[in-house]
Amino acid sequence: MHWLRVDLLRWDHVSTLTPFAPFDVILDKSTSDAIATFSDQEVSLKNAEICPTVREVAGANDRTTLSPVELLALNLVPLTRPNTTWITLSYSTLRFDHLPGLEKYWHLRSRTALQAPAGPVSTPAHTPAVFHWVYILDRK
């Protein structure tokens, strides 16, 4: 097996994966969650190392601001093809909501709640159920 370390928010890193593309399936075990903790990303289109999909979404603007998850999703577009499946395990119920840049390229097929196993409890206090979320997105 071959491993690569890539900053998924930087096109100059992501583009190094193009020799392995297109990918049919992307498995994301909380990568989106980790990336979502970053600040919104202001992207200057004057920078030569910008993803072509980000350029397209930005249109005629010189700069655009994207949420980190939106930037991740747009950076994945050139590495995929229509019908690629992106499966994400997340702690968030809203991981892919309100991200307008995704609508043209990704379709949210399903969002499924999985109850996390209960751990040992040291007191008789009520502990609420904890859920993980599995998202399945399809590349348009």
N, C-alpha and C. Protein backbone atom coordinates (compact mmCIF):
# COMPACT_ATOMS: atom_id res chain seq x y z
N MET A 1 0.85 -1.17 0.00
CA MET A 1 0.00 0.00 0.00
C MET A 1 0.90 1.24 0.00
N HIS A 2 0.44 2.26 -0.68
CA HIS A 2 1.20 3.50 -0.81
C HIS A 2 0.47 4.62 -0.06
N TRP A 3 1.16 5.35 0.79
CA TRP A 3 0.56 6.44 1.56
C TRP A 3 1.13 7.78 1.12
N LEU A 4 0.27 8.77 1.06
CA LEU A 4 0.68 10.13 0.76
C LEU A 4 0.10 11.06 1.81
N ARG A 5 0.86 12.05 2.19
CA ARG A 5 0.37 13.06 3.13
C ARG A 5 0.09 14.32 2.32
N VAL A 6 -1.17 14.80 2.40
CA VAL A 6 -1.60 15.91 1.56
C VAL A 6 -2.44 16.88 2.39
N ASP A 7 -2.19 18.17 2.23
CA ASP A 7 -3.05 19.20 2.82
C ASP A 7 -4.21 19.39 1.87
N LEU A 8 -5.39 18.92 2.24
CA LEU A 8 -6.55 18.92 1.35
C LEU A 8 -7.14 20.30 1.09
N LEU A 9 -6.65 21.31 1.80
CA LEU A 9 -7.11 22.68 1.55
C LEU A 9 -6.18 23.43 0.59
N ARG A 10 -5.09 22.80 0.20
CA ARG A 10 -4.12 23.46 -0.70
C ARG A 10 -4.06 22.73 -2.03
N TRP A 11 -4.47 23.43 -3.08
CA TRP A 11 -4.50 22.80 -4.39
C TRP A 11 -3.11 22.34 -4.84
N ASP A 12 -2.06 23.07 -4.47
CA ASP A 12 -0.72 22.62 -4.87
C ASP A 12 -0.38 21.26 -4.25
N HIS A 13 -1.00 20.92 -3.13
CA HIS A 13 -0.83 19.59 -2.54
C HIS A 13 -1.80 18.59 -3.18
N VAL A 14 -3.07 18.97 -3.25
CA VAL A 14 -4.10 18.07 -3.77
C VAL A 14 -3.79 17.67 -5.22
N SER A 15 -3.29 18.60 -6.00
CA SER A 15 -3.02 18.31 -7.41
C SER A 15 -1.96 17.22 -7.60
N THR A 16 -1.16 16.95 -6.56
CA THR A 16 -0.17 15.87 -6.66
C THR A 16 -0.85 14.50 -6.73
N LEU A 17 -2.14 14.45 -6.42
CA LEU A 17 -2.88 13.19 -6.47
C LEU A 17 -3.44 12.89 -7.86
N THR A 18 -3.36 13.85 -8.78
CA THR A 18 -3.97 13.65 -10.10
C THR A 18 -3.43 12.42 -10.85
N PRO A 19 -2.18 12.01 -10.67
CA PRO A 19 -1.76 10.78 -11.37
C PRO A 19 -2.55 9.54 -10.93
N PHE A 20 -3.17 9.59 -9.75
CA PHE A 20 -3.93 8.46 -9.23
C PHE A 20 -5.43 8.58 -9.53
N ALA A 21 -5.84 9.69 -10.07
CA ALA A 21 -7.25 9.98 -10.33
C ALA A 21 -7.66 9.38 -11.68
N PRO A 22 -8.96 9.21 -11.89
CA PRO A 22 -10.04 9.60 -10.99
C PRO A 22 -10.33 8.52 -9.95
N PHE A 23 -10.78 8.97 -8.79
CA PHE A 23 -11.16 8.07 -7.72
C PHE A 23 -12.64 7.75 -7.85
N ASP A 24 -13.00 6.48 -7.61
CA ASP A 24 -14.40 6.06 -7.66
C ASP A 24 -15.08 6.22 -6.31
N VAL A 25 -14.29 6.07 -5.23
CA VAL A 25 -14.83 6.16 -3.87
C VAL A 25 -13.84 6.96 -3.03
N ILE A 26 -14.38 7.83 -2.18
CA ILE A 26 -13.57 8.57 -1.21
C ILE A 26 -14.11 8.20 0.17
N LEU A 27 -13.26 7.70 1.05
CA LEU A 27 -13.64 7.38 2.42
C LEU A 27 -13.04 8.43 3.33
N ASP A 28 -13.88 9.05 4.11
CA ASP A 28 -13.49 10.19 4.94
C ASP A 28 -13.89 9.89 6.37
N LYS A 29 -12.91 9.53 7.21
CA LYS A 29 -13.19 9.25 8.62
C LYS A 29 -12.85 10.49 9.44
N SER A 30 -13.81 11.41 9.48
CA SER A 30 -13.72 12.65 10.26
C SER A 30 -12.72 13.67 9.72
N THR A 31 -12.22 13.47 8.51
CA THR A 31 -11.36 14.50 7.91
C THR A 31 -12.14 15.79 7.75
N SER A 32 -13.37 15.68 7.29
CA SER A 32 -14.22 16.87 7.14
C SER A 32 -14.43 17.57 8.48
N ASP A 33 -14.59 16.79 9.55
CA ASP A 33 -14.75 17.38 10.88
C ASP A 33 -13.51 18.16 11.28
N ALA A 34 -12.34 17.57 11.08
CA ALA A 34 -11.10 18.25 11.45
C ALA A 34 -10.93 19.53 10.63
N ILE A 35 -11.19 19.45 9.34
CA ILE A 35 -11.05 20.62 8.47
C ILE A 35 -12.07 21.69 8.82
N ALA A 36 -13.26 21.28 9.27
CA ALA A 36 -14.32 22.24 9.60
C ALA A 36 -13.94 23.14 10.76
N THR A 37 -12.95 22.76 11.55
CA THR A 37 -12.53 23.60 12.68
C THR A 37 -11.68 24.78 12.23
N PHE A 38 -11.23 24.79 10.99
CA PHE A 38 -10.44 25.90 10.47
C PHE A 38 -11.34 27.11 10.23
N SER A 39 -10.74 28.26 10.09
CA SER A 39 -11.47 29.48 9.71
C SER A 39 -11.85 29.39 8.25
N ASP A 40 -12.84 30.22 7.86
CA ASP A 40 -13.16 30.32 6.45
C ASP A 40 -11.90 30.69 5.69
N GLN A 41 -11.80 30.21 4.47
CA GLN A 41 -10.60 30.40 3.67
C GLN A 41 -10.83 31.48 2.61
N GLU A 42 -10.06 32.55 2.68
CA GLU A 42 -10.13 33.57 1.65
C GLU A 42 -9.14 33.18 0.56
N VAL A 43 -9.64 33.05 -0.64
CA VAL A 43 -8.84 32.57 -1.76
C VAL A 43 -8.67 33.70 -2.76
N SER A 44 -7.42 33.99 -3.10
CA SER A 44 -7.12 34.99 -4.13
C SER A 44 -6.97 34.27 -5.46
N LEU A 45 -7.77 34.67 -6.43
CA LEU A 45 -7.71 34.02 -7.73
C LEU A 45 -6.51 34.47 -8.54
N LYS A 46 -5.75 35.42 -7.99
CA LYS A 46 -4.50 35.84 -8.64
C LYS A 46 -3.41 34.80 -8.40
N ASN A 47 -3.61 33.97 -7.40
CA ASN A 47 -2.68 32.89 -7.08
C ASN A 47 -2.78 31.82 -8.18
N ALA A 48 -1.68 31.47 -8.78
CA ALA A 48 -1.68 30.48 -9.86
C ALA A 48 -2.04 29.08 -9.38
N GLU A 49 -1.85 28.82 -8.08
CA GLU A 49 -2.08 27.48 -7.54
C GLU A 49 -3.46 27.36 -6.90
N ILE A 50 -4.48 27.66 -7.69
CA ILE A 50 -5.87 27.56 -7.24
C ILE A 50 -6.54 26.46 -8.04
N CYS A 51 -7.35 25.68 -7.38
CA CYS A 51 -8.09 24.61 -8.03
C CYS A 51 -8.97 25.18 -9.15
N PRO A 52 -9.00 24.54 -10.31
CA PRO A 52 -9.83 25.04 -11.41
C PRO A 52 -11.31 25.13 -11.03
N THR A 53 -11.78 24.22 -10.19
CA THR A 53 -13.18 24.26 -9.76
C THR A 53 -13.45 25.47 -8.88
N VAL A 54 -12.51 25.84 -8.02
CA VAL A 54 -12.66 27.04 -7.19
C VAL A 54 -12.71 28.27 -8.09
N ARG A 55 -11.87 28.31 -9.12
CA ARG A 55 -11.91 29.43 -10.08
C ARG A 55 -13.28 29.54 -10.73
N GLU A 56 -13.82 28.40 -11.11
CA GLU A 56 -15.13 28.38 -11.76
C GLU A 56 -16.23 28.89 -10.83
N VAL A 57 -16.21 28.45 -9.59
CA VAL A 57 -17.23 28.87 -8.62
C VAL A 57 -17.11 30.36 -8.32
N ALA A 58 -15.89 30.87 -8.26
CA ALA A 58 -15.67 32.28 -7.95
C ALA A 58 -16.13 33.20 -9.07
N GLY A 59 -16.15 32.70 -10.29
CA GLY A 59 -16.58 33.52 -11.41
C GLY A 59 -15.61 34.66 -11.68
N ALA A 60 -16.16 35.86 -11.85
CA ALA A 60 -15.35 37.03 -12.22
C ALA A 60 -14.69 37.70 -11.02
N ASN A 61 -14.95 37.23 -9.82
CA ASN A 61 -14.38 37.85 -8.63
C ASN A 61 -12.88 37.60 -8.53
N ASP A 62 -12.14 38.57 -7.97
CA ASP A 62 -10.70 38.40 -7.74
C ASP A 62 -10.42 37.56 -6.50
N ARG A 63 -11.38 37.57 -5.57
CA ARG A 63 -11.23 36.86 -4.30
C ARG A 63 -12.57 36.19 -3.99
N THR A 64 -12.48 35.12 -3.25
CA THR A 64 -13.70 34.49 -2.77
C THR A 64 -13.40 33.89 -1.39
N THR A 65 -14.42 33.77 -0.58
CA THR A 65 -14.28 33.17 0.75
C THR A 65 -15.14 31.91 0.79
N LEU A 66 -14.52 30.83 1.21
CA LEU A 66 -15.19 29.53 1.26
C LEU A 66 -15.00 28.93 2.64
N SER A 67 -16.01 28.18 3.09
CA SER A 67 -15.81 27.42 4.32
C SER A 67 -14.77 26.34 4.02
N PRO A 68 -14.06 25.87 5.03
CA PRO A 68 -13.04 24.85 4.78
C PRO A 68 -13.60 23.57 4.16
N VAL A 69 -14.81 23.17 4.57
CA VAL A 69 -15.41 21.95 4.01
C VAL A 69 -15.79 22.18 2.55
N GLU A 70 -16.25 23.38 2.26
CA GLU A 70 -16.59 23.72 0.87
C GLU A 70 -15.32 23.69 0.00
N LEU A 71 -14.23 24.24 0.51
CA LEU A 71 -12.97 24.22 -0.23
C LEU A 71 -12.49 22.78 -0.43
N LEU A 72 -12.59 21.96 0.60
CA LEU A 72 -12.24 20.54 0.48
C LEU A 72 -13.04 19.90 -0.64
N ALA A 73 -14.36 20.07 -0.62
CA ALA A 73 -15.23 19.44 -1.61
C ALA A 73 -14.90 19.91 -3.03
N LEU A 74 -14.61 21.19 -3.18
CA LEU A 74 -14.27 21.71 -4.50
C LEU A 74 -12.90 21.20 -4.96
N ASN A 75 -11.96 21.07 -4.04
CA ASN A 75 -10.64 20.53 -4.39
C ASN A 75 -10.71 19.06 -4.80
N LEU A 76 -11.73 18.35 -4.33
CA LEU A 76 -11.88 16.94 -4.69
C LEU A 76 -12.48 16.74 -6.08
N VAL A 77 -13.18 17.75 -6.58
CA VAL A 77 -13.87 17.61 -7.87
C VAL A 77 -12.94 17.17 -9.00
N PRO A 78 -11.78 17.82 -9.22
CA PRO A 78 -10.92 17.38 -10.32
C PRO A 78 -10.33 15.97 -10.16
N LEU A 79 -10.42 15.43 -8.96
CA LEU A 79 -9.89 14.09 -8.70
C LEU A 79 -10.95 13.01 -8.87
N THR A 80 -12.16 13.42 -9.18
CA THR A 80 -13.29 12.49 -9.25
C THR A 80 -13.94 12.60 -10.63
N ARG A 81 -14.98 11.80 -10.81
CA ARG A 81 -15.79 11.87 -12.03
C ARG A 81 -17.24 11.69 -11.62
N PRO A 82 -18.17 11.97 -12.53
CA PRO A 82 -19.57 11.76 -12.17
C PRO A 82 -19.79 10.34 -11.64
N ASN A 83 -20.62 10.27 -10.61
CA ASN A 83 -20.97 9.03 -9.90
C ASN A 83 -19.92 8.56 -8.90
N THR A 84 -18.85 9.31 -8.69
CA THR A 84 -17.95 8.99 -7.58
C THR A 84 -18.74 9.11 -6.28
N THR A 85 -18.50 8.22 -5.35
CA THR A 85 -19.17 8.24 -4.05
C THR A 85 -18.18 8.71 -2.99
N TRP A 86 -18.64 9.68 -2.18
CA TRP A 86 -17.84 10.21 -1.07
C TRP A 86 -18.58 9.83 0.21
N ILE A 87 -17.98 8.99 1.02
CA ILE A 87 -18.58 8.52 2.27
C ILE A 87 -17.83 9.18 3.42
N THR A 88 -18.59 9.85 4.27
CA THR A 88 -17.99 10.61 5.38
C THR A 88 -18.59 10.18 6.71
N LEU A 89 -17.74 9.90 7.68
CA LEU A 89 -18.17 9.67 9.05
C LEU A 89 -17.92 10.97 9.80
N SER A 90 -18.96 11.48 10.47
CA SER A 90 -18.86 12.79 11.11
C SER A 90 -19.57 12.78 12.46
N TYR A 91 -19.19 13.74 13.29
CA TYR A 91 -19.90 13.96 14.55
C TYR A 91 -20.98 15.02 14.37
N SER A 92 -21.02 15.66 13.23
CA SER A 92 -21.92 16.80 13.01
C SER A 92 -23.19 16.39 12.27
N THR A 93 -24.31 16.93 12.73
CA THR A 93 -25.57 16.72 12.03
C THR A 93 -25.70 17.65 10.82
N LEU A 94 -24.83 18.63 10.72
CA LEU A 94 -24.95 19.66 9.68
C LEU A 94 -23.71 19.78 8.80
N ARG A 95 -22.90 18.76 8.70
CA ARG A 95 -21.59 18.90 8.06
C ARG A 95 -21.66 19.44 6.64
N PHE A 96 -22.65 19.06 5.85
CA PHE A 96 -22.70 19.50 4.46
C PHE A 96 -23.87 20.43 4.17
N ASP A 97 -24.45 21.02 5.21
CA ASP A 97 -25.55 21.96 5.02
C ASP A 97 -25.01 23.36 4.74
N HIS A 98 -25.77 24.11 3.97
CA HIS A 98 -25.49 25.54 3.72
C HIS A 98 -24.12 25.77 3.09
N LEU A 99 -23.78 24.95 2.13
CA LEU A 99 -22.52 25.10 1.39
C LEU A 99 -22.86 25.24 -0.09
N PRO A 100 -23.16 26.45 -0.52
CA PRO A 100 -23.68 26.65 -1.88
C PRO A 100 -22.73 26.20 -2.99
N GLY A 101 -21.43 26.23 -2.75
CA GLY A 101 -20.48 25.82 -3.79
C GLY A 101 -20.56 24.34 -4.13
N LEU A 102 -21.13 23.54 -3.24
CA LEU A 102 -21.20 22.10 -3.46
C LEU A 102 -22.33 21.69 -4.41
N GLU A 103 -23.37 22.50 -4.48
CA GLU A 103 -24.60 22.10 -5.19
C GLU A 103 -24.37 21.69 -6.63
N LYS A 104 -23.44 22.33 -7.31
CA LYS A 104 -23.20 22.02 -8.72
C LYS A 104 -22.46 20.69 -8.90
N TYR A 105 -21.70 20.27 -7.91
CA TYR A 105 -20.81 19.13 -8.08
C TYR A 105 -21.15 17.91 -7.23
N TRP A 106 -21.79 18.11 -6.09
CA TRP A 106 -22.05 17.01 -5.17
C TRP A 106 -23.53 16.98 -4.79
N HIS A 107 -24.08 15.76 -4.73
CA HIS A 107 -25.46 15.54 -4.29
C HIS A 107 -25.42 14.73 -3.00
N LEU A 108 -26.10 15.23 -1.96
CA LEU A 108 -26.17 14.50 -0.70
C LEU A 108 -27.23 13.41 -0.83
N ARG A 109 -26.78 12.18 -1.00
CA ARG A 109 -27.70 11.06 -1.17
C ARG A 109 -28.35 10.67 0.15
N SER A 110 -27.55 10.63 1.22
CA SER A 110 -28.12 10.23 2.50
C SER A 110 -27.31 10.78 3.66
N ARG A 111 -28.01 10.90 4.79
CA ARG A 111 -27.42 11.32 6.06
C ARG A 111 -28.04 10.37 7.09
N THR A 112 -27.23 9.48 7.64
CA THR A 112 -27.74 8.44 8.52
C THR A 112 -27.13 8.57 9.90
N ALA A 113 -27.98 8.55 10.91
CA ALA A 113 -27.52 8.61 12.30
C ALA A 113 -27.19 7.20 12.78
N LEU A 114 -26.04 7.06 13.43
CA LEU A 114 -25.64 5.80 14.05
C LEU A 114 -25.40 6.06 15.53
N GLN A 115 -26.15 5.39 16.37
CA GLN A 115 -25.96 5.60 17.81
C GLN A 115 -24.63 5.01 18.23
N ALA A 116 -23.83 5.84 18.89
CA ALA A 116 -22.53 5.40 19.38
C ALA A 116 -22.73 4.44 20.55
N PRO A 117 -21.85 3.48 20.70
CA PRO A 117 -21.97 2.57 21.84
C PRO A 117 -21.82 3.34 23.15
N ALA A 118 -22.60 2.94 24.12
CA ALA A 118 -22.52 3.59 25.44
C ALA A 118 -21.27 3.09 26.15
N GLY A 119 -20.57 4.01 26.75
CA GLY A 119 -19.38 3.65 27.52
C GLY A 119 -19.76 3.40 28.97
N PRO A 120 -18.80 3.01 29.78
CA PRO A 120 -19.08 2.80 31.20
C PRO A 120 -19.46 4.12 31.87
N VAL A 121 -20.42 4.05 32.77
CA VAL A 121 -20.90 5.23 33.49
C VAL A 121 -20.55 5.07 34.96
N SER A 122 -19.94 6.11 35.54
CA SER A 122 -19.51 6.00 36.93
C SER A 122 -20.58 6.45 37.91
N THR A 123 -21.61 7.14 37.44
CA THR A 123 -22.69 7.59 38.32
C THR A 123 -24.01 7.16 37.70
N PRO A 124 -25.05 7.14 38.51
CA PRO A 124 -26.36 6.75 37.97
C PRO A 124 -27.04 7.89 37.19
N ALA A 125 -26.31 8.95 36.90
CA ALA A 125 -26.91 10.08 36.17
C ALA A 125 -27.26 9.66 34.75
N HIS A 126 -28.30 10.29 34.24
CA HIS A 126 -28.73 10.02 32.86
C HIS A 126 -27.69 10.55 31.89
N THR A 127 -27.30 9.73 30.96
CA THR A 127 -26.40 10.19 29.90
C THR A 127 -27.16 10.09 28.58
N PRO A 128 -27.21 11.18 27.84
CA PRO A 128 -27.97 11.16 26.58
C PRO A 128 -27.27 10.30 25.53
N ALA A 129 -28.05 9.85 24.59
CA ALA A 129 -27.49 9.07 23.49
C ALA A 129 -26.58 9.96 22.65
N VAL A 130 -25.50 9.39 22.18
CA VAL A 130 -24.55 10.10 21.31
C VAL A 130 -24.63 9.45 19.94
N PHE A 131 -24.63 10.29 18.91
CA PHE A 131 -24.74 9.78 17.55
C PHE A 131 -23.55 10.20 16.70
N HIS A 132 -23.19 9.32 15.80
CA HIS A 132 -22.27 9.63 14.71
C HIS A 132 -23.14 9.71 13.46
N TRP A 133 -22.63 10.37 12.45
CA TRP A 133 -23.41 10.54 11.22
C TRP A 133 -22.61 10.02 10.04
N VAL A 134 -23.26 9.27 9.20
CA VAL A 134 -22.65 8.80 7.95
C VAL A 134 -23.33 9.55 6.81
N TYR A 135 -22.52 10.27 6.06
CA TYR A 135 -23.00 11.00 4.89
C TYR A 135 -22.53 10.27 3.65
N ILE A 136 -23.41 10.18 2.68
CA ILE A 136 -23.02 9.65 1.37
C ILE A 136 -23.35 10.72 0.34
N LEU A 137 -22.31 11.18 -0.34
CA LEU A 137 -22.47 12.18 -1.39
C LEU A 137 -22.08 11.55 -2.72
N ASP A 138 -22.78 11.96 -3.76
CA ASP A 138 -22.47 11.49 -5.10
C ASP A 138 -22.01 12.66 -5.94
N ARG A 139 -20.99 12.42 -6.71
CA ARG A 139 -20.49 13.46 -7.62
C ARG A 139 -21.45 13.57 -8.80
N LYS A 140 -21.87 14.79 -9.08
CA LYS A 140 -22.80 15.03 -10.20
C LYS A 140 -22.03 15.02 -11.51
